[in-house]
Amino acid sequence: MQLRGASFGAAWLTAAMRAAGSLADSCAVRRIAELYELPLEGDDAQGGAGHKAILTVEYEGPAEALEGLHARLFVKMPWR
């Protein structure tokens, strides 16, 4: 999955979440604590439009800005 590549990670996810308006400029993703790729086939498959995963992330920043942020995220990345 692309999120495991050298070009991705906490810094990339921080930039993406800020660009989407999901994360304040005063906050950042400190690290991706867990990445669970969802199955591509079988009964648990979640469709075929791209890779899907559940991320567990840790944030850093002021407590009031972090309030309400979800630590467990669903991610869908298109096929390359």
C-alpha atoms as a PDB file:
ATOM      1  CA  MET A   1       0.000   0.000   0.000  1.00  0.00           C
ATOM      2  CA  GLN A   2       1.227   3.510  -0.792  1.00  0.00           C
ATOM      3  CA  LEU A   3       1.118   4.607   2.856  1.00  0.00           C
ATOM      4  CA  ARG A   4       3.946   2.172   3.577  1.00  0.00           C
ATOM      5  CA  GLY A   5       6.197   3.879   0.995  1.00  0.00           C
ATOM      6  CA  ALA A   6       9.070   6.224   1.804  1.00  0.00           C
ATOM      7  CA  SER A   7       7.226   9.242   0.354  1.00  0.00           C
ATOM      8  CA  PHE A   8       4.321   8.853   2.764  1.00  0.00           C
ATOM      9  CA  GLY A   9       3.887   8.705   6.509  1.00  0.00           C
ATOM     10  CA  ALA A  10       3.014  11.135   9.278  1.00  0.00           C
ATOM     11  CA  ALA A  11       4.289  14.265   7.470  1.00  0.00           C
ATOM     12  CA  TRP A  12       2.387  13.408   4.289  1.00  0.00           C
ATOM     13  CA  LEU A  13      -0.785  12.565   6.226  1.00  0.00           C
ATOM     14  CA  THR A  14      -0.494  15.856   8.160  1.00  0.00           C
ATOM     15  CA  ALA A  15      -0.242  17.824   4.898  1.00  0.00           C
ATOM     16  CA  ALA A  16      -3.171  15.939   3.347  1.00  0.00           C
ATOM     17  CA  MET A  17      -5.395  16.426   6.394  1.00  0.00           C
ATOM     18  CA  ARG A  18      -4.541  20.136   6.583  1.00  0.00           C
ATOM     19  CA  ALA A  19      -5.278  20.575   2.869  1.00  0.00           C
ATOM     20  CA  ALA A  20      -8.663  18.898   3.370  1.00  0.00           C
ATOM     21  CA  GLY A  21      -9.430  21.151   6.334  1.00  0.00           C
ATOM     22  CA  SER A  22      -9.541  18.188   8.735  1.00  0.00           C
ATOM     23  CA  LEU A  23      -6.530  19.230  10.796  1.00  0.00           C
ATOM     24  CA  ALA A  24      -5.654  22.664  12.159  1.00  0.00           C
ATOM     25  CA  ASP A  25      -2.284  24.192  11.303  1.00  0.00           C
ATOM     26  CA  SER A  26      -1.376  24.029  15.001  1.00  0.00           C
ATOM     27  CA  CYS A  27      -1.716  20.217  14.982  1.00  0.00           C
ATOM     28  CA  ALA A  28       0.148  17.383  13.295  1.00  0.00           C
ATOM     29  CA  VAL A  29       0.056  13.627  12.961  1.00  0.00           C
ATOM     30  CA  ARG A  30       2.895  12.525  15.243  1.00  0.00           C
ATOM     31  CA  ARG A  31       2.954   8.977  13.908  1.00  0.00           C
ATOM     32  CA  ILE A  32       0.933   6.265  12.260  1.00  0.00           C
ATOM     33  CA  ALA A  33       0.663   3.783  15.122  1.00  0.00           C
ATOM     34  CA  GLU A  34      -1.036   1.032  13.129  1.00  0.00           C
ATOM     35  CA  LEU A  35      -1.942   0.348   9.518  1.00  0.00           C
ATOM     36  CA  TYR A  36      -4.319  -2.527   8.836  1.00  0.00           C
ATOM     37  CA  GLU A  37      -4.909  -3.205   5.143  1.00  0.00           C
ATOM     38  CA  LEU A  38      -8.407  -4.481   4.436  1.00  0.00           C
ATOM     39  CA  PRO A  39      -8.708  -7.650   2.339  1.00  0.00           C
ATOM     40  CA  LEU A  40      -8.951  -7.218  -1.429  1.00  0.00           C
ATOM     41  CA  GLU A  41     -10.849 -10.481  -1.924  1.00  0.00           C
ATOM     42  CA  GLY A  42     -13.247 -12.726  -0.062  1.00  0.00           C
ATOM     43  CA  ASP A  43     -16.180 -12.061   2.237  1.00  0.00           C
ATOM     44  CA  ASP A  44     -14.427  -9.150   3.979  1.00  0.00           C
ATOM     45  CA  ALA A  45     -13.458  -7.303   0.776  1.00  0.00           C
ATOM     46  CA  GLN A  46     -14.490  -3.650   0.769  1.00  0.00           C
ATOM     47  CA  GLY A  47     -14.886  -3.111  -2.994  1.00  0.00           C
ATOM     48  CA  GLY A  48     -12.354  -2.933  -5.792  1.00  0.00           C
ATOM     49  CA  ALA A  49     -11.870   0.801  -6.460  1.00  0.00           C
ATOM     50  CA  GLY A  50      -8.529   0.872  -4.636  1.00  0.00           C
ATOM     51  CA  HIS A  51      -6.605  -0.154  -1.555  1.00  0.00           C
ATOM     52  CA  LYS A  52      -8.420   0.372   1.728  1.00  0.00           C
ATOM     53  CA  ALA A  53      -7.050   0.424   5.236  1.00  0.00           C
ATOM     54  CA  ILE A  54      -7.738   1.380   8.805  1.00  0.00           C
ATOM     55  CA  LEU A  55      -5.111   3.707  10.273  1.00  0.00           C
ATOM     56  CA  THR A  56      -4.595   4.411  13.922  1.00  0.00           C
ATOM     57  CA  VAL A  57      -2.770   7.707  14.332  1.00  0.00           C
ATOM     58  CA  GLU A  58      -1.352   9.778  17.164  1.00  0.00           C
ATOM     59  CA  TYR A  59      -1.596  13.572  17.032  1.00  0.00           C
ATOM     60  CA  GLU A  60       0.319  16.414  18.626  1.00  0.00           C
ATOM     61  CA  GLY A  61      -0.821  19.954  19.229  1.00  0.00           C
ATOM     62  CA  PRO A  62      -2.846  22.066  21.645  1.00  0.00           C
ATOM     63  CA  ALA A  63      -5.460  20.057  23.550  1.00  0.00           C
ATOM     64  CA  GLU A  64      -8.330  22.294  22.446  1.00  0.00           C
ATOM     65  CA  ALA A  65      -7.388  21.829  18.770  1.00  0.00           C
ATOM     66  CA  LEU A  66      -7.117  18.047  19.161  1.00  0.00           C
ATOM     67  CA  GLU A  67     -10.543  17.729  20.755  1.00  0.00           C
ATOM     68  CA  GLY A  68     -12.910  15.712  18.577  1.00  0.00           C
ATOM     69  CA  LEU A  69     -10.253  14.332  16.217  1.00  0.00           C
ATOM     70  CA  HIS A  70     -10.615  10.642  15.453  1.00  0.00           C
ATOM     71  CA  ALA A  71      -7.570   8.451  15.988  1.00  0.00           C
ATOM     72  CA  ARG A  72      -8.934   5.529  13.957  1.00  0.00           C
ATOM     73  CA  LEU A  73      -9.325   6.458  10.282  1.00  0.00           C
ATOM     74  CA  PHE A  74     -10.636   4.713   7.166  1.00  0.00           C
ATOM     75  CA  VAL A  75      -8.357   5.308   4.172  1.00  0.00           C
ATOM     76  CA  LYS A  76      -9.034   4.602   0.498  1.00  0.00           C
ATOM     77  CA  MET A  77      -6.186   4.983  -1.995  1.00  0.00           C
ATOM     78  CA  PRO A  78      -6.810   4.570  -5.742  1.00  0.00           C
ATOM     79  CA  TRP A  79      -4.927   2.004  -7.799  1.00  0.00           C
ATOM     80  CA  ARG A  80      -1.837   3.338  -9.553  1.00  0.00           C
END
